[in-house]
Amino acid sequence: MRAAIYTGPDQPLQIQQIQLADPAHSEVLVEVHATGLCHTDLHFMQGHLPLLAPAVLGHESAGIVRVVGAGVSYLKPGDHVIGCLSAFCGCCHMCLSGHPSICEDQDAINRDPDQPPRLSLDGQPLTQFMNLSGFADHMLVHEHALAKIDPAMPLDRAALIGCAVTTGVGAVMHTAKVTLGSSVLVFGCGAVGLSAIQGARLAGALDIIAIDINVQRLQMAAAFGATHTINSKSVDASTEVMAITENRGVDYAFEAVGDQQLARQAFMMLRKNGTLVLIGLMREGAEISLPFQQFIAQRKVLGSDMGSNQFRTDMQRLVKFYLDGRLNLDDMLSARIPLPEINQGFEMMKRGEGIRTIVDFSL
């Protein structure tokens, strides 16, 4: 199997042949068709977050089931699937109370120490990233890391649902529970931010304010449903937001960049009883300082892990939204590259080019 290997912080990924074990109980072998390049992968590549090397990154994947192990009842060979990094055990308190995205026992779906590793390179184990490792032409995963989808869904678009779309739309629908007619602010118009904007539109928000410093992304935000766009490089974003909301502030703010100062700015733009949702991933140890007085008026701050999703139902709904023409994924997919060009793809990301680049394994 061909994969891009992470060998340590600030090192280019290396394309090598790896070995996958045979599917064990509850495991599934998936032929990967597409995997998106996500800022989360880049955080680990740059050493902002720890990861045991060598490893295979990648977590925004879609493909086709080829082999199923004993005990697998949810899937069969030929099924089209999306991978989800918020794999679940199905037995812990969070899973059983309807919050599988914050499963408390993900270790339960890993192999026992006395079993051979799922992934290896020249006889040495490879770290499986977020229960998936999608920067490879095949994935060997637990069935609880997969959602079955309609085969009419193009797999390159389906891959985007595996992280960015579920994270952004889910933060609006599940984490914040945005209400009809409310005002929404989104800081950052990358793939996750644009998905949050689409989620706000689907939820019936009245004012949807997009903030970024990238002119092209602000234009995309307007096309995706933003009613107002603000270039914070050229104007004071707080002044603009207050003018739009008649000096009240917004009901909901979403920070989709992963920056402490932007999170603070977004919080200060909240209306009384407003809610800030932190979507963007920050480096390990990051802290945010917020003034206590603002909390007296019942302003709230919420974290959101993968949009608080229930992915086996959410992903099917998002697929349906796309097939019905109510969710724009086509314009999010800005480039497709073969696996050997993956490092160039991440360089494009660093430069802020495009919205979402995917590794297309047919190239």
Protein backbone atom coordinates (compact mmCIF):
# COMPACT_ATOMS: atom_id res chain seq x y z
CA MET A 1 0.00 0.00 0.00
CA ARG A 2 1.29 3.47 -0.88
CA ALA A 3 1.25 6.15 1.83
CA ALA A 4 2.68 9.52 2.83
CA ILE A 5 4.79 9.01 5.97
CA TYR A 6 5.22 11.63 8.70
CA THR A 7 8.72 11.32 10.17
CA GLY A 8 8.79 14.31 12.53
CA PRO A 9 8.00 18.03 12.88
CA ASP A 10 8.87 20.29 9.95
CA GLN A 11 9.92 17.35 7.77
CA PRO A 12 8.35 16.70 4.34
CA LEU A 13 6.08 13.70 4.10
CA GLN A 14 7.74 10.72 2.44
CA ILE A 15 5.92 8.51 -0.07
CA GLN A 16 6.62 4.86 0.72
CA GLN A 17 5.10 1.42 0.48
CA ILE A 18 3.60 0.30 3.80
CA GLN A 19 2.01 -2.91 4.97
CA LEU A 20 -1.54 -3.34 6.26
CA ALA A 21 -2.60 -6.27 8.41
CA ASP A 22 -5.61 -8.40 7.55
CA PRO A 23 -8.92 -7.09 8.95
CA ALA A 24 -9.48 -8.42 12.47
CA HIS A 25 -12.79 -8.55 14.34
CA SER A 26 -14.88 -5.39 13.68
CA GLU A 27 -12.34 -4.04 11.20
CA VAL A 28 -12.81 -2.91 7.62
CA LEU A 29 -10.43 -2.44 4.70
CA VAL A 30 -11.31 0.64 2.63
CA GLU A 31 -9.95 1.57 -0.78
CA VAL A 32 -9.42 5.32 -0.43
CA HIS A 33 -10.53 7.46 -3.36
CA ALA A 34 -9.95 10.95 -1.94
CA THR A 35 -8.51 12.58 1.17
CA GLY A 36 -8.60 16.29 1.93
CA LEU A 37 -5.63 18.31 3.16
CA CYS A 38 -6.70 19.87 6.45
CA HIS A 39 -5.07 22.44 8.75
CA THR A 40 -5.28 19.84 11.51
CA ASP A 41 -2.76 17.70 9.61
CA LEU A 42 -0.57 20.78 9.19
CA HIS A 43 -0.65 21.51 12.94
CA PHE A 44 0.87 18.09 13.60
CA MET A 45 3.34 18.39 10.71
CA GLN A 46 4.61 21.69 12.13
CA GLY A 47 4.92 20.29 15.66
CA HIS A 48 2.18 22.46 17.17
CA LEU A 49 0.62 19.27 18.52
CA PRO A 50 2.44 16.07 19.51
CA LEU A 51 2.39 12.90 17.42
CA LEU A 52 4.50 9.77 17.70
CA ALA A 53 6.50 9.26 14.50
CA PRO A 54 6.56 7.52 12.14
CA ALA A 55 2.87 7.94 11.34
CA VAL A 56 0.42 8.21 8.48
CA LEU A 57 -1.60 11.43 8.68
CA GLY A 58 -4.86 12.21 6.88
CA HIS A 59 -8.38 12.10 8.29
CA GLU A 60 -10.78 13.60 5.71
CA SER A 61 -11.35 10.56 3.52
CA ALA A 62 -13.92 8.76 1.43
CA GLY A 63 -13.72 5.45 -0.36
CA ILE A 64 -15.20 2.01 -0.98
CA VAL A 65 -15.24 -0.96 1.38
CA ARG A 66 -13.26 -3.88 -0.03
CA VAL A 67 -12.99 -6.39 2.85
CA VAL A 68 -14.77 -6.73 6.18
CA GLY A 69 -13.58 -8.67 9.20
CA ALA A 70 -15.54 -11.03 11.42
CA GLY A 71 -18.32 -9.40 13.42
CA VAL A 72 -18.89 -6.49 11.02
CA SER A 73 -22.62 -6.11 10.39
CA TYR A 74 -22.96 -2.42 9.46
CA LEU A 75 -20.91 -2.63 6.25
CA LYS A 76 -20.27 -4.98 3.34
CA PRO A 77 -17.83 -4.96 0.41
CA GLY A 78 -18.84 -2.36 -2.18
CA ASP A 79 -20.35 0.10 0.29
CA HIS A 80 -19.34 3.73 -0.17
CA VAL A 81 -18.13 5.28 3.07
CA ILE A 82 -16.80 8.43 4.70
CA GLY A 83 -14.21 8.19 7.46
CA CYS A 84 -14.67 10.20 10.63
CA LEU A 85 -11.96 11.04 13.14
CA SER A 86 -14.52 11.08 15.97
CA ALA A 87 -14.77 7.30 15.98
CA PHE A 88 -16.81 5.95 18.88
CA CYS A 89 -16.87 2.94 21.18
CA GLY A 90 -20.67 2.81 21.40
CA CYS A 91 -20.65 1.78 25.06
CA CYS A 92 -19.45 4.70 27.20
CA HIS A 93 -21.65 7.31 28.90
CA MET A 94 -21.10 9.91 26.16
CA CYS A 95 -21.92 7.50 23.34
CA LEU A 96 -25.03 6.20 25.07
CA SER A 97 -26.25 9.71 25.94
CA GLY A 98 -26.08 10.90 22.33
CA HIS A 99 -22.61 12.50 22.26
CA PRO A 100 -20.43 10.03 20.31
CA SER A 101 -18.12 12.80 19.05
CA ILE A 102 -16.68 13.06 22.57
CA CYS A 103 -16.53 9.32 23.22
CA GLU A 104 -14.72 8.60 26.48
CA ASP A 105 -13.27 5.25 25.45
CA GLN A 106 -11.88 5.50 21.92
CA ASP A 107 -9.08 3.17 23.01
CA ALA A 108 -11.66 0.38 22.98
CA ILE A 109 -11.62 0.34 19.17
CA ASN A 110 -7.83 0.01 18.96
CA ARG A 111 -6.04 -3.30 18.65
CA ASP A 112 -4.73 -5.00 21.78
CA PRO A 113 -0.98 -4.68 22.38
CA ASP A 114 -0.46 -8.38 21.67
CA GLN A 115 -2.00 -8.05 18.18
CA PRO A 116 0.06 -7.03 15.14
CA PRO A 117 -0.27 -3.31 14.29
CA ARG A 118 -2.76 -2.28 11.63
CA LEU A 119 -0.07 -0.31 9.79
CA SER A 120 3.63 -1.07 9.55
CA LEU A 121 6.70 -0.07 7.58
CA ASP A 122 9.45 -2.64 7.08
CA GLY A 123 8.22 -4.57 10.11
CA GLN A 124 8.00 -1.51 12.40
CA PRO A 125 4.60 -0.19 13.58
CA LEU A 126 3.24 3.08 12.24
CA THR A 127 1.05 5.38 14.30
CA GLN A 128 -2.50 5.41 12.98
CA PHE A 129 -3.65 9.02 12.97
CA MET A 130 -7.06 9.69 14.50
CA ASN A 131 -8.17 6.10 13.91
CA LEU A 132 -7.92 6.60 10.12
CA SER A 133 -4.62 7.50 8.40
CA GLY A 134 -6.12 8.67 5.12
CA PHE A 135 -2.92 9.68 3.32
CA ALA A 136 -2.74 6.16 1.93
CA ASP A 137 -4.50 4.36 -0.89
CA HIS A 138 -6.12 1.98 1.62
CA MET A 139 -7.23 2.33 5.25
CA LEU A 140 -7.66 -0.46 7.78
CA VAL A 141 -10.04 0.87 10.43
CA HIS A 142 -12.62 -0.12 13.01
CA GLU A 143 -16.14 -0.06 11.59
CA HIS A 144 -17.06 2.64 14.14
CA ALA A 145 -14.82 5.07 12.23
CA LEU A 146 -16.95 4.86 9.07
CA ALA A 147 -20.32 6.13 7.88
CA LYS A 148 -22.11 4.47 4.96
CA ILE A 149 -23.39 6.89 2.31
CA ASP A 150 -25.47 7.00 -0.86
CA PRO A 151 -23.33 5.70 -3.78
CA ALA A 152 -24.71 8.55 -5.91
CA MET A 153 -22.50 10.91 -3.90
CA PRO A 154 -19.20 11.75 -5.67
CA LEU A 155 -16.43 10.48 -3.42
CA ASP A 156 -14.21 13.53 -3.86
CA ARG A 157 -17.01 15.75 -2.51
CA ALA A 158 -17.87 13.16 0.14
CA ALA A 159 -14.33 13.40 1.54
CA LEU A 160 -14.93 17.06 2.46
CA ILE A 161 -17.83 15.99 4.65
CA GLY A 162 -15.44 13.83 6.66
CA CYS A 163 -14.02 16.84 8.53
CA ALA A 164 -14.47 20.42 7.29
CA VAL A 165 -18.16 20.32 6.45
CA THR A 166 -19.22 18.25 9.44
CA THR A 167 -17.15 20.49 11.73
CA GLY A 168 -18.53 23.78 10.41
CA VAL A 169 -22.15 22.85 9.87
CA GLY A 170 -22.23 20.81 13.07
CA ALA A 171 -20.85 23.69 15.16
CA VAL A 172 -23.82 25.75 14.00
CA MET A 173 -26.51 23.09 14.19
CA HIS A 174 -25.41 20.96 17.14
CA THR A 175 -22.97 22.91 19.32
CA ALA A 176 -24.53 26.39 19.15
CA LYS A 177 -28.03 25.40 18.02
CA VAL A 178 -28.37 28.61 16.02
CA THR A 179 -31.97 29.84 16.00
CA LEU A 180 -34.11 31.18 13.17
CA GLY A 181 -33.65 34.90 12.53
CA SER A 182 -30.49 35.24 14.62
CA SER A 183 -27.24 37.05 13.80
CA VAL A 184 -24.07 35.05 13.18
CA LEU A 185 -20.41 36.01 12.90
CA VAL A 186 -17.76 33.71 11.39
CA PHE A 187 -14.07 34.51 11.84
CA GLY A 188 -12.08 32.79 9.06
CA CYS A 189 -13.40 31.74 5.65
CA GLY A 190 -11.46 28.58 4.95
CA ALA A 191 -13.23 25.27 4.43
CA VAL A 192 -14.52 25.07 8.02
CA GLY A 193 -15.59 28.71 8.14
CA LEU A 194 -17.41 28.45 4.81
CA SER A 195 -19.16 25.35 6.12
CA ALA A 196 -20.25 27.29 9.22
CA ILE A 197 -21.60 30.02 6.94
CA GLN A 198 -23.57 27.42 5.00
CA GLY A 199 -24.82 25.96 8.28
CA ALA A 200 -26.00 29.40 9.39
CA ARG A 201 -27.83 29.85 6.11
CA LEU A 202 -29.49 26.44 6.47
CA ALA A 203 -30.46 27.31 10.06
CA GLY A 204 -32.22 30.49 8.90
CA ALA A 205 -29.87 33.10 10.37
CA LEU A 206 -30.83 36.61 9.32
CA ASP A 207 -27.42 38.31 9.40
CA ILE A 208 -24.38 36.20 8.51
CA ILE A 209 -21.16 38.20 8.86
CA ALA A 210 -17.92 36.78 7.47
CA ILE A 211 -14.51 38.18 8.53
CA ASP A 212 -11.20 37.39 6.85
CA ILE A 213 -8.16 39.12 5.35
CA ASN A 214 -8.24 37.13 2.11
CA VAL A 215 -10.29 38.95 -0.55
CA GLN A 216 -10.96 35.81 -2.60
CA ARG A 217 -12.22 33.93 0.45
CA LEU A 218 -14.54 36.80 1.36
CA GLN A 219 -15.96 36.65 -2.15
CA MET A 220 -16.52 32.92 -1.64
CA ALA A 221 -18.21 33.63 1.70
CA ALA A 222 -20.71 35.91 -0.01
CA ALA A 223 -21.45 33.22 -2.58
CA PHE A 224 -21.91 30.65 0.19
CA GLY A 225 -24.48 32.72 2.10
CA ALA A 226 -22.77 35.53 4.02
CA THR A 227 -24.93 38.67 4.03
CA HIS A 228 -21.99 40.88 5.04
CA THR A 229 -18.23 40.51 4.51
CA ILE A 230 -15.51 42.36 6.39
CA ASN A 231 -11.85 42.57 5.46
CA SER A 232 -10.25 43.03 8.89
CA LYS A 233 -6.99 44.02 7.22
CA SER A 234 -8.50 47.24 5.88
CA VAL A 235 -11.20 48.17 8.43
CA ASP A 236 -11.85 47.72 12.15
CA ALA A 237 -13.94 44.55 12.32
CA SER A 238 -15.53 45.37 15.69
CA THR A 239 -16.76 48.76 14.49
CA GLU A 240 -18.24 47.20 11.36
CA VAL A 241 -19.98 44.41 13.27
CA MET A 242 -21.51 46.83 15.74
CA ALA A 243 -22.77 49.00 12.88
CA ILE A 244 -24.38 46.01 11.18
CA THR A 245 -26.06 44.86 14.41
CA GLU A 246 -27.16 48.37 15.53
CA ASN A 247 -24.60 48.32 18.33
CA ARG A 248 -26.01 45.16 19.93
CA GLY A 249 -23.47 42.57 18.79
CA VAL A 250 -24.14 39.14 17.32
CA ASP A 251 -26.11 36.27 18.82
CA TYR A 252 -23.51 33.68 17.77
CA ALA A 253 -19.83 33.94 16.87
CA PHE A 254 -17.65 31.16 15.44
CA GLU A 255 -13.85 31.34 15.54
CA ALA A 256 -12.65 29.08 12.74
CA VAL A 257 -8.99 30.10 12.54
CA GLY A 258 -7.55 28.82 15.80
CA ASP A 259 -6.12 32.09 17.14
CA GLN A 260 -6.40 33.30 20.73
CA GLN A 261 -6.65 36.99 19.84
CA LEU A 262 -9.33 36.39 17.22
CA ALA A 263 -11.27 34.33 19.74
CA ARG A 264 -11.15 37.23 22.18
CA GLN A 265 -12.24 39.69 19.49
CA ALA A 266 -15.16 37.46 18.52
CA PHE A 267 -16.21 37.17 22.18
CA MET A 268 -16.20 40.95 22.56
CA MET A 269 -18.58 41.23 19.57
CA LEU A 270 -21.26 39.10 21.23
CA ARG A 271 -24.66 40.39 22.13
CA LYS A 272 -25.94 39.87 25.67
CA ASN A 273 -26.72 36.16 26.09
CA GLY A 274 -24.59 35.52 23.01
CA THR A 275 -22.51 32.42 22.38
CA LEU A 276 -18.96 32.04 21.09
CA VAL A 277 -18.04 28.65 19.62
CA LEU A 278 -14.36 27.81 19.26
CA ILE A 279 -13.91 25.68 16.15
CA GLY A 280 -10.35 26.36 15.04
CA LEU A 281 -7.66 24.08 16.47
CA MET A 282 -5.02 25.87 18.55
CA ARG A 283 -1.52 24.77 19.45
CA GLU A 284 -1.05 22.72 22.63
CA GLY A 285 -1.12 24.87 25.78
CA ALA A 286 -2.93 27.81 24.13
CA GLU A 287 -4.96 29.94 26.55
CA ILE A 288 -7.56 32.67 26.02
CA SER A 289 -8.04 35.62 28.39
CA LEU A 290 -11.57 37.04 28.60
CA PRO A 291 -12.99 39.82 30.83
CA PHE A 292 -15.27 38.55 33.58
CA GLN A 293 -17.70 41.48 33.30
CA GLN A 294 -18.83 40.23 29.91
CA PHE A 295 -20.02 36.96 31.44
CA ILE A 296 -22.43 38.72 33.77
CA ALA A 297 -24.69 39.37 30.78
CA GLN A 298 -24.79 35.59 30.22
CA ARG A 299 -22.35 35.44 27.35
CA LYS A 300 -21.03 31.92 26.84
CA VAL A 301 -18.02 30.17 25.34
CA LEU A 302 -18.33 26.64 23.96
CA GLY A 303 -15.82 24.20 22.58
CA SER A 304 -16.76 22.06 19.61
CA ASP A 305 -15.18 18.75 18.67
CA MET A 306 -15.99 17.87 15.05
CA GLY A 307 -19.19 19.89 15.22
CA SER A 308 -20.60 17.82 18.12
CA ASN A 309 -21.58 15.35 15.43
CA GLN A 310 -23.51 12.11 15.38
CA PHE A 311 -21.68 11.19 12.25
CA ARG A 312 -23.51 8.12 11.01
CA THR A 313 -26.70 10.15 10.70
CA ASP A 314 -25.20 13.61 10.16
CA MET A 315 -23.05 12.57 7.20
CA GLN A 316 -25.98 10.96 5.44
CA ARG A 317 -27.98 14.17 5.92
CA LEU A 318 -25.15 16.30 4.59
CA VAL A 319 -24.88 14.03 1.56
CA LYS A 320 -28.60 14.49 1.00
CA PHE A 321 -28.24 18.27 1.31
CA TYR A 322 -25.56 18.15 -1.39
CA LEU A 323 -27.51 15.90 -3.72
CA ASP A 324 -30.56 18.15 -3.29
CA GLY A 325 -28.50 21.23 -4.18
CA ARG A 326 -28.73 22.86 -0.76
CA LEU A 327 -25.08 22.40 0.24
CA ASN A 328 -22.29 23.74 -1.97
CA LEU A 329 -19.29 21.43 -1.97
CA ASP A 330 -18.28 21.84 -5.62
CA ASP A 331 -16.82 25.32 -5.11
CA MET A 332 -14.96 24.26 -1.97
CA LEU A 333 -12.90 21.73 -3.91
CA SER A 334 -10.26 24.02 -5.36
CA ALA A 335 -7.50 21.56 -6.37
CA ARG A 336 -6.85 17.85 -6.75
CA ILE A 337 -3.36 16.37 -6.65
CA PRO A 338 -1.76 12.92 -6.81
CA LEU A 339 -0.25 11.56 -3.60
CA PRO A 340 3.38 12.33 -4.61
CA GLU A 341 2.49 16.05 -4.72
CA ILE A 342 1.14 16.16 -1.18
CA ASN A 343 3.93 18.36 0.16
CA GLN A 344 3.26 20.92 -2.58
CA GLY A 345 -0.39 20.82 -1.54
CA PHE A 346 0.50 21.78 2.01
CA GLU A 347 2.70 24.61 0.71
CA MET A 348 -0.36 25.92 -1.13
CA MET A 349 -2.27 25.77 2.14
CA LYS A 350 0.40 27.77 3.94
CA ARG A 351 0.13 30.45 1.27
CA GLY A 352 -3.64 30.62 1.69
CA GLU A 353 -4.35 29.42 -1.83
CA GLY A 354 -7.74 27.91 -2.59
CA ILE A 355 -10.21 26.41 -0.15
CA ARG A 356 -9.70 22.64 -0.12
CA THR A 357 -7.11 20.55 -1.89
CA ILE A 358 -7.69 16.80 -2.06
CA VAL A 359 -5.38 13.92 -2.78
CA ASP A 360 -7.10 12.10 -5.62
CA PHE A 361 -5.87 8.51 -5.63
CA SER A 362 -7.01 7.99 -9.21
CA LEU A 363 -4.31 10.40 -10.44
